[in-house]
Amino acid sequence: MNSTTEQTRVPVSVLISGRGSNMMSLVRAAHDSNFPAKIVHVISNRPDARGLIWARAQGITTTVLDDTTFESCEAFECALHSLLVASGVELVALAGFMRIITPKFISYWKNRILNIHPSLLPSFKGLNVHTKTLEAGVKIAGCTVHYVTSELDSGPIIIQGAVSVLQQDTPDTLAARILEVEHEIYPLALRLVSSGSAFVVNGKVVFDNACRPDARLIHPKLKFL
């Protein structure tokens, strides 16, 4: 592996609205000086987001951009865009950011915004994912890291992680098990993108020849009853 210098590491901003557990997984991965990205800024649209306290303790710059204080969505996104530009970031990672982002904002950051969703997309988009999963009776669930596009939860898929659905699962138990995998695949996806190993071609993510063939799917061993 080529060594990574601080100057070549890709600066990333993480957007959160709550506890920011996926933000934490990215920060912990980026503590490795050989990780090709560095988390330089954590932004929340909610002043009471618990993840802000943790990020500050790590020495990361944090900003509250309270969306309730803006007169319009356009005004909020204009302020957010200006903040990201001023921070000098090249990638944006959504980690429980509870806002729908408009196509105009996404166009400014095309193929530079990542998101993690708690299903194996394109199945079960939107909210109440784990309830939908159990109601559908599927036997395998999981999570997906993808690029953000103007269509909800439909951007090019970077990496996915799978878990088995157990007969006794509730939405909460399934969510907890999937969250563990989220914390594994989001740093991997950020590594792939920031190192240039994964990129978008014709609306799909492709990998360079040096990338492991199994890099796009994490599949823990099945748990039996």
C-alpha atoms as a PDB file:
ATOM      1  CA  MET A   1       0.000   0.000   0.000  1.00  0.00           C
ATOM      2  CA  ASN A   2       1.256   3.482  -0.825  1.00  0.00           C
ATOM      3  CA  SER A   3       1.860   5.645   2.204  1.00  0.00           C
ATOM      4  CA  THR A   4      -0.513   8.553   2.698  1.00  0.00           C
ATOM      5  CA  THR A   5       0.777  11.973   3.694  1.00  0.00           C
ATOM      6  CA  GLU A   6      -1.284  14.532   5.569  1.00  0.00           C
ATOM      7  CA  GLN A   7      -1.188  16.781   2.504  1.00  0.00           C
ATOM      8  CA  THR A   8      -2.696  14.152   0.220  1.00  0.00           C
ATOM      9  CA  ARG A   9      -5.492  13.022   2.525  1.00  0.00           C
ATOM     10  CA  VAL A  10      -8.920  14.068   1.251  1.00  0.00           C
ATOM     11  CA  PRO A  11     -10.708  16.504   3.601  1.00  0.00           C
ATOM     12  CA  VAL A  12     -14.222  15.411   4.513  1.00  0.00           C
ATOM     13  CA  SER A  13     -17.140  17.043   6.298  1.00  0.00           C
ATOM     14  CA  VAL A  14     -19.685  14.837   8.079  1.00  0.00           C
ATOM     15  CA  LEU A  15     -23.293  15.996   8.452  1.00  0.00           C
ATOM     16  CA  ILE A  16     -25.299  14.702  11.419  1.00  0.00           C
ATOM     17  CA  SER A  17     -28.581  15.346  13.200  1.00  0.00           C
ATOM     18  CA  GLY A  18     -28.290  13.099  16.276  1.00  0.00           C
ATOM     19  CA  ARG A  19     -25.872  10.812  18.061  1.00  0.00           C
ATOM     20  CA  GLY A  20     -23.655  10.438  14.991  1.00  0.00           C
ATOM     21  CA  SER A  21     -22.570   6.834  15.506  1.00  0.00           C
ATOM     22  CA  ASN A  22     -21.631   6.478  11.841  1.00  0.00           C
ATOM     23  CA  MET A  23     -19.716   9.751  12.074  1.00  0.00           C
ATOM     24  CA  MET A  24     -17.795   8.212  14.958  1.00  0.00           C
ATOM     25  CA  SER A  25     -16.885   5.179  12.856  1.00  0.00           C
ATOM     26  CA  LEU A  26     -15.500   7.449  10.132  1.00  0.00           C
ATOM     27  CA  VAL A  27     -13.503   9.517  12.603  1.00  0.00           C
ATOM     28  CA  ARG A  28     -12.040   6.427  14.249  1.00  0.00           C
ATOM     29  CA  ALA A  29     -10.991   5.034  10.860  1.00  0.00           C
ATOM     30  CA  ALA A  30      -9.412   8.363   9.931  1.00  0.00           C
ATOM     31  CA  HIS A  31      -7.285   8.312  13.100  1.00  0.00           C
ATOM     32  CA  ASP A  32      -5.022   6.002  11.077  1.00  0.00           C
ATOM     33  CA  SER A  33      -2.530   8.285   9.355  1.00  0.00           C
ATOM     34  CA  ASN A  34      -2.576   5.970   6.331  1.00  0.00           C
ATOM     35  CA  PHE A  35      -6.327   6.389   5.863  1.00  0.00           C
ATOM     36  CA  PRO A  36      -6.763   8.387   2.632  1.00  0.00           C
ATOM     37  CA  ALA A  37      -9.346  10.793   4.090  1.00  0.00           C
ATOM     38  CA  LYS A  38      -9.433  13.058   7.127  1.00  0.00           C
ATOM     39  CA  ILE A  39     -12.533  14.308   8.937  1.00  0.00           C
ATOM     40  CA  VAL A  40     -12.038  18.057   9.278  1.00  0.00           C
ATOM     41  CA  HIS A  41     -15.539  19.299  10.076  1.00  0.00           C
ATOM     42  CA  VAL A  42     -18.750  17.985  11.631  1.00  0.00           C
ATOM     43  CA  ILE A  43     -21.922  19.974  10.938  1.00  0.00           C
ATOM     44  CA  SER A  44     -25.339  19.492  12.503  1.00  0.00           C
ATOM     45  CA  ASN A  45     -28.691  21.026  11.661  1.00  0.00           C
ATOM     46  CA  ARG A  46     -29.770  20.419  15.261  1.00  0.00           C
ATOM     47  CA  PRO A  47     -28.139  22.196  18.211  1.00  0.00           C
ATOM     48  CA  ASP A  48     -28.832  19.282  20.574  1.00  0.00           C
ATOM     49  CA  ALA A  49     -27.158  16.626  18.411  1.00  0.00           C
ATOM     50  CA  ARG A  50     -25.179  14.441  20.804  1.00  0.00           C
ATOM     51  CA  GLY A  51     -22.553  13.674  18.193  1.00  0.00           C
ATOM     52  CA  LEU A  52     -21.292  17.257  18.368  1.00  0.00           C
ATOM     53  CA  ILE A  53     -19.994  16.770  21.909  1.00  0.00           C
ATOM     54  CA  TRP A  54     -18.079  13.649  20.899  1.00  0.00           C
ATOM     55  CA  ALA A  55     -16.613  15.295  17.793  1.00  0.00           C
ATOM     56  CA  ARG A  56     -15.397  18.304  19.771  1.00  0.00           C
ATOM     57  CA  ALA A  57     -13.698  15.950  22.227  1.00  0.00           C
ATOM     58  CA  GLN A  58     -11.770  14.528  19.264  1.00  0.00           C
ATOM     59  CA  GLY A  59     -10.503  17.987  18.377  1.00  0.00           C
ATOM     60  CA  ILE A  60     -12.677  18.254  15.263  1.00  0.00           C
ATOM     61  CA  THR A  61     -14.192  21.580  14.243  1.00  0.00           C
ATOM     62  CA  THR A  62     -17.972  21.532  14.710  1.00  0.00           C
ATOM     63  CA  THR A  63     -20.685  23.890  13.522  1.00  0.00           C
ATOM     64  CA  VAL A  64     -24.391  24.100  14.297  1.00  0.00           C
ATOM     65  CA  LEU A  65     -26.476  25.251  11.366  1.00  0.00           C
ATOM     66  CA  ASP A  66     -29.918  25.262  12.954  1.00  0.00           C
ATOM     67  CA  ASP A  67     -32.365  24.732  10.102  1.00  0.00           C
ATOM     68  CA  THR A  68     -35.247  26.157  12.124  1.00  0.00           C
ATOM     69  CA  THR A  69     -33.651  29.616  12.007  1.00  0.00           C
ATOM     70  CA  PHE A  70     -33.700  29.888   8.219  1.00  0.00           C
ATOM     71  CA  GLU A  71     -36.652  31.312   6.342  1.00  0.00           C
ATOM     72  CA  SER A  72     -36.423  28.743   3.563  1.00  0.00           C
ATOM     73  CA  CYS A  73     -34.766  25.514   2.490  1.00  0.00           C
ATOM     74  CA  GLU A  74     -32.882  27.473  -0.141  1.00  0.00           C
ATOM     75  CA  ALA A  75     -31.448  29.827   2.476  1.00  0.00           C
ATOM     76  CA  PHE A  76     -30.346  26.905   4.653  1.00  0.00           C
ATOM     77  CA  GLU A  77     -28.649  25.094   1.786  1.00  0.00           C
ATOM     78  CA  CYS A  78     -26.950  28.285   0.624  1.00  0.00           C
ATOM     79  CA  ALA A  79     -25.445  28.677   4.093  1.00  0.00           C
ATOM     80  CA  LEU A  80     -24.468  25.009   4.183  1.00  0.00           C
ATOM     81  CA  HIS A  81     -22.819  25.205   0.783  1.00  0.00           C
ATOM     82  CA  SER A  82     -20.855  28.306   1.797  1.00  0.00           C
ATOM     83  CA  LEU A  83     -19.750  26.602   5.006  1.00  0.00           C
ATOM     84  CA  LEU A  84     -18.524  23.513   3.152  1.00  0.00           C
ATOM     85  CA  VAL A  85     -16.637  25.597   0.608  1.00  0.00           C
ATOM     86  CA  ALA A  86     -15.024  27.675   3.360  1.00  0.00           C
ATOM     87  CA  SER A  87     -13.965  24.451   5.104  1.00  0.00           C
ATOM     88  CA  GLY A  88     -12.130  23.339   1.977  1.00  0.00           C
ATOM     89  CA  VAL A  89     -13.694  19.880   1.993  1.00  0.00           C
ATOM     90  CA  GLU A  90     -13.760  17.675  -1.086  1.00  0.00           C
ATOM     91  CA  LEU A  91     -16.263  15.066   0.114  1.00  0.00           C
ATOM     92  CA  VAL A  92     -19.393  15.203   2.248  1.00  0.00           C
ATOM     93  CA  ALA A  93     -20.578  12.198   4.270  1.00  0.00           C
ATOM     94  CA  LEU A  94     -24.159  12.120   5.522  1.00  0.00           C
ATOM     95  CA  ALA A  95     -24.417  10.252   8.820  1.00  0.00           C
ATOM     96  CA  GLY A  96     -27.959  10.378  10.106  1.00  0.00           C
ATOM     97  CA  PHE A  97     -28.554  13.815   8.593  1.00  0.00           C
ATOM     98  CA  MET A  98     -32.318  14.123   8.832  1.00  0.00           C
ATOM     99  CA  ARG A  99     -33.019  16.441   5.941  1.00  0.00           C
ATOM    100  CA  ILE A 100     -33.957  15.905   2.318  1.00  0.00           C
ATOM    101  CA  ILE A 101     -31.322  17.613   0.167  1.00  0.00           C
ATOM    102  CA  THR A 102     -32.551  19.430  -2.917  1.00  0.00           C
ATOM    103  CA  PRO A 103     -31.367  18.663  -6.464  1.00  0.00           C
ATOM    104  CA  LYS A 104     -29.819  22.145  -6.705  1.00  0.00           C
ATOM    105  CA  PHE A 105     -27.544  21.520  -3.733  1.00  0.00           C
ATOM    106  CA  ILE A 106     -26.676  18.042  -4.975  1.00  0.00           C
ATOM    107  CA  SER A 107     -25.691  19.468  -8.363  1.00  0.00           C
ATOM    108  CA  TYR A 108     -23.042  21.607  -6.661  1.00  0.00           C
ATOM    109  CA  TRP A 109     -21.575  18.505  -5.024  1.00  0.00           C
ATOM    110  CA  LYS A 110     -22.224  15.903  -7.717  1.00  0.00           C
ATOM    111  CA  ASN A 111     -20.505  12.590  -6.962  1.00  0.00           C
ATOM    112  CA  ARG A 112     -19.059  14.113  -3.807  1.00  0.00           C
ATOM    113  CA  ILE A 113     -21.824  13.323  -1.285  1.00  0.00           C
ATOM    114  CA  LEU A 114     -22.003   9.885   0.334  1.00  0.00           C
ATOM    115  CA  ASN A 115     -24.874   8.462   2.363  1.00  0.00           C
ATOM    116  CA  ILE A 116     -25.529   5.262   4.272  1.00  0.00           C
ATOM    117  CA  HIS A 117     -28.970   3.642   4.228  1.00  0.00           C
ATOM    118  CA  PRO A 118     -30.079   0.703   6.432  1.00  0.00           C
ATOM    119  CA  SER A 119     -31.274  -1.615   3.662  1.00  0.00           C
ATOM    120  CA  LEU A 120     -29.921  -3.446   0.666  1.00  0.00           C
ATOM    121  CA  LEU A 121     -30.901  -0.856  -1.910  1.00  0.00           C
ATOM    122  CA  PRO A 122     -32.846  -0.595  -4.121  1.00  0.00           C
ATOM    123  CA  SER A 123     -35.127  -2.401  -1.660  1.00  0.00           C
ATOM    124  CA  PHE A 124     -36.854  -0.509   1.173  1.00  0.00           C
ATOM    125  CA  LYS A 125     -36.067   3.114   0.438  1.00  0.00           C
ATOM    126  CA  GLY A 126     -37.132   5.938   2.727  1.00  0.00           C
ATOM    127  CA  LEU A 127     -38.180   5.648   6.376  1.00  0.00           C
ATOM    128  CA  ASN A 128     -39.348   2.762   8.619  1.00  0.00           C
ATOM    129  CA  VAL A 129     -36.924   0.467   6.831  1.00  0.00           C
ATOM    130  CA  HIS A 130     -36.704  -2.277   9.432  1.00  0.00           C
ATOM    131  CA  THR A 131     -40.464  -2.551   9.843  1.00  0.00           C
ATOM    132  CA  LYS A 132     -40.844  -2.801   6.061  1.00  0.00           C
ATOM    133  CA  THR A 133     -38.118  -5.448   5.970  1.00  0.00           C
ATOM    134  CA  LEU A 134     -39.817  -7.663   8.545  1.00  0.00           C
ATOM    135  CA  GLU A 135     -43.252  -7.201   6.998  1.00  0.00           C
ATOM    136  CA  ALA A 136     -41.876  -8.299   3.635  1.00  0.00           C
ATOM    137  CA  GLY A 137     -40.503 -11.502   5.134  1.00  0.00           C
ATOM    138  CA  VAL A 138     -37.105 -11.247   3.466  1.00  0.00           C
ATOM    139  CA  LYS A 139     -34.375 -13.497   4.844  1.00  0.00           C
ATOM    140  CA  ILE A 140     -31.406 -11.205   4.202  1.00  0.00           C
ATOM    141  CA  ALA A 141     -31.226  -7.533   5.157  1.00  0.00           C
ATOM    142  CA  GLY A 142     -28.379  -5.085   5.366  1.00  0.00           C
ATOM    143  CA  CYS A 143     -27.117  -1.622   4.555  1.00  0.00           C
ATOM    144  CA  THR A 144     -25.777   0.333   1.597  1.00  0.00           C
ATOM    145  CA  VAL A 145     -23.344   3.197   1.099  1.00  0.00           C
ATOM    146  CA  HIS A 146     -24.151   5.139  -2.040  1.00  0.00           C
ATOM    147  CA  TYR A 147     -23.621   8.448  -3.756  1.00  0.00           C
ATOM    148  CA  VAL A 148     -26.435  10.933  -3.234  1.00  0.00           C
ATOM    149  CA  THR A 149     -28.504  11.916  -6.253  1.00  0.00           C
ATOM    150  CA  SER A 150     -31.699  13.897  -6.661  1.00  0.00           C
ATOM    151  CA  GLU A 151     -33.784  10.706  -6.401  1.00  0.00           C
ATOM    152  CA  LEU A 152     -34.149   9.496  -2.819  1.00  0.00           C
ATOM    153  CA  ASP A 153     -31.899   6.542  -1.897  1.00  0.00           C
ATOM    154  CA  SER A 154     -31.197   5.822  -5.562  1.00  0.00           C
ATOM    155  CA  GLY A 155     -27.630   6.957  -6.194  1.00  0.00           C
ATOM    156  CA  PRO A 156     -24.793   4.729  -7.444  1.00  0.00           C
ATOM    157  CA  ILE A 157     -24.031   1.976  -4.925  1.00  0.00           C
ATOM    158  CA  ILE A 158     -20.499   1.839  -3.538  1.00  0.00           C
ATOM    159  CA  ILE A 159     -20.607  -0.982  -1.005  1.00  0.00           C
ATOM    160  CA  GLN A 160     -23.181  -3.113   0.802  1.00  0.00           C
ATOM    161  CA  GLY A 161     -23.234  -5.228   3.945  1.00  0.00           C
ATOM    162  CA  ALA A 162     -25.598  -8.135   4.607  1.00  0.00           C
ATOM    163  CA  VAL A 163     -27.058  -9.697   7.743  1.00  0.00           C
ATOM    164  CA  SER A 164     -29.454 -12.574   8.190  1.00  0.00           C
ATOM    165  CA  VAL A 165     -32.999 -11.804   9.368  1.00  0.00           C
ATOM    166  CA  LEU A 166     -33.838 -13.909  12.397  1.00  0.00           C
ATOM    167  CA  GLN A 167     -37.270 -15.353  13.094  1.00  0.00           C
ATOM    168  CA  GLN A 168     -37.460 -13.585  16.455  1.00  0.00           C
ATOM    169  CA  ASP A 169     -36.290 -10.210  15.148  1.00  0.00           C
ATOM    170  CA  THR A 170     -38.076  -6.983  15.988  1.00  0.00           C
ATOM    171  CA  PRO A 171     -37.376  -3.716  14.173  1.00  0.00           C
ATOM    172  CA  ASP A 172     -35.109  -2.720  17.056  1.00  0.00           C
ATOM    173  CA  THR A 173     -33.043  -5.921  17.165  1.00  0.00           C
ATOM    174  CA  LEU A 174     -32.641  -5.940  13.389  1.00  0.00           C
ATOM    175  CA  ALA A 175     -31.657  -2.267  13.414  1.00  0.00           C
ATOM    176  CA  ALA A 176     -29.013  -2.885  16.067  1.00  0.00           C
ATOM    177  CA  ARG A 177     -27.440  -5.737  14.124  1.00  0.00           C
ATOM    178  CA  ILE A 178     -27.428  -3.772  10.878  1.00  0.00           C
ATOM    179  CA  LEU A 179     -25.911  -0.760  12.633  1.00  0.00           C
ATOM    180  CA  GLU A 180     -22.869  -2.836  13.549  1.00  0.00           C
ATOM    181  CA  VAL A 181     -22.342  -3.543   9.849  1.00  0.00           C
ATOM    182  CA  GLU A 182     -22.935   0.110   8.963  1.00  0.00           C
ATOM    183  CA  HIS A 183     -19.978   0.992  11.162  1.00  0.00           C
ATOM    184  CA  GLU A 184     -17.881  -1.471   9.188  1.00  0.00           C
ATOM    185  CA  ILE A 185     -18.825  -0.561   5.637  1.00  0.00           C
ATOM    186  CA  TYR A 186     -18.998   3.237   5.818  1.00  0.00           C
ATOM    187  CA  PRO A 187     -15.262   3.636   6.548  1.00  0.00           C
ATOM    188  CA  LEU A 188     -14.519   1.099   3.808  1.00  0.00           C
ATOM    189  CA  ALA A 189     -16.610   3.045   1.328  1.00  0.00           C
ATOM    190  CA  LEU A 190     -14.921   6.315   2.273  1.00  0.00           C
ATOM    191  CA  ARG A 191     -11.542   4.626   1.868  1.00  0.00           C
ATOM    192  CA  LEU A 192     -12.468   3.363  -1.608  1.00  0.00           C
ATOM    193  CA  VAL A 193     -13.763   6.732  -2.772  1.00  0.00           C
ATOM    194  CA  SER A 194     -11.102   8.984  -1.254  1.00  0.00           C
ATOM    195  CA  SER A 195      -8.274   6.771  -2.508  1.00  0.00           C
ATOM    196  CA  GLY A 196      -9.661   6.869  -6.039  1.00  0.00           C
ATOM    197  CA  SER A 197     -10.305   3.128  -6.057  1.00  0.00           C
ATOM    198  CA  ALA A 198     -14.053   3.603  -6.596  1.00  0.00           C
ATOM    199  CA  PHE A 199     -15.595   6.116  -8.963  1.00  0.00           C
ATOM    200  CA  VAL A 200     -18.737   6.689 -11.008  1.00  0.00           C
ATOM    201  CA  VAL A 201     -18.916   5.755 -14.683  1.00  0.00           C
ATOM    202  CA  ASN A 202     -22.211   6.004 -16.567  1.00  0.00           C
ATOM    203  CA  GLY A 203     -24.219   6.141 -13.365  1.00  0.00           C
ATOM    204  CA  LYS A 204     -22.604   3.112 -11.708  1.00  0.00           C
ATOM    205  CA  VAL A 205     -19.676   2.687  -9.348  1.00  0.00           C
ATOM    206  CA  VAL A 206     -16.678   0.877 -10.789  1.00  0.00           C
ATOM    207  CA  PHE A 207     -13.437  -0.149  -9.123  1.00  0.00           C
ATOM    208  CA  ASP A 208      -9.854   0.101 -10.297  1.00  0.00           C
ATOM    209  CA  ASN A 209      -7.921  -3.042 -11.131  1.00  0.00           C
ATOM    210  CA  ALA A 210      -6.027  -2.987  -7.844  1.00  0.00           C
ATOM    211  CA  CYS A 211      -9.203  -3.150  -5.772  1.00  0.00           C
ATOM    212  CA  ARG A 212     -10.080  -6.508  -4.190  1.00  0.00           C
ATOM    213  CA  PRO A 213     -12.956  -8.229  -6.012  1.00  0.00           C
ATOM    214  CA  ASP A 214     -14.876  -8.659  -2.733  1.00  0.00           C
ATOM    215  CA  ALA A 215     -14.550  -4.999  -1.736  1.00  0.00           C
ATOM    216  CA  ARG A 216     -18.112  -4.133  -2.655  1.00  0.00           C
ATOM    217  CA  LEU A 217     -19.931  -6.554  -0.321  1.00  0.00           C
ATOM    218  CA  ILE A 218     -19.455  -7.433   3.325  1.00  0.00           C
ATOM    219  CA  HIS A 219     -21.274 -10.609   4.306  1.00  0.00           C
ATOM    220  CA  PRO A 220     -20.986 -11.774   7.937  1.00  0.00           C
ATOM    221  CA  LYS A 221     -21.590 -15.419   8.713  1.00  0.00           C
ATOM    222  CA  LEU A 222     -25.234 -16.359   9.006  1.00  0.00           C
ATOM    223  CA  LYS A 223     -26.580 -16.730  12.528  1.00  0.00           C
ATOM    224  CA  PHE A 224     -28.798 -19.742  13.034  1.00  0.00           C
ATOM    225  CA  LEU A 225     -31.624 -20.241  15.506  1.00  0.00           C
END
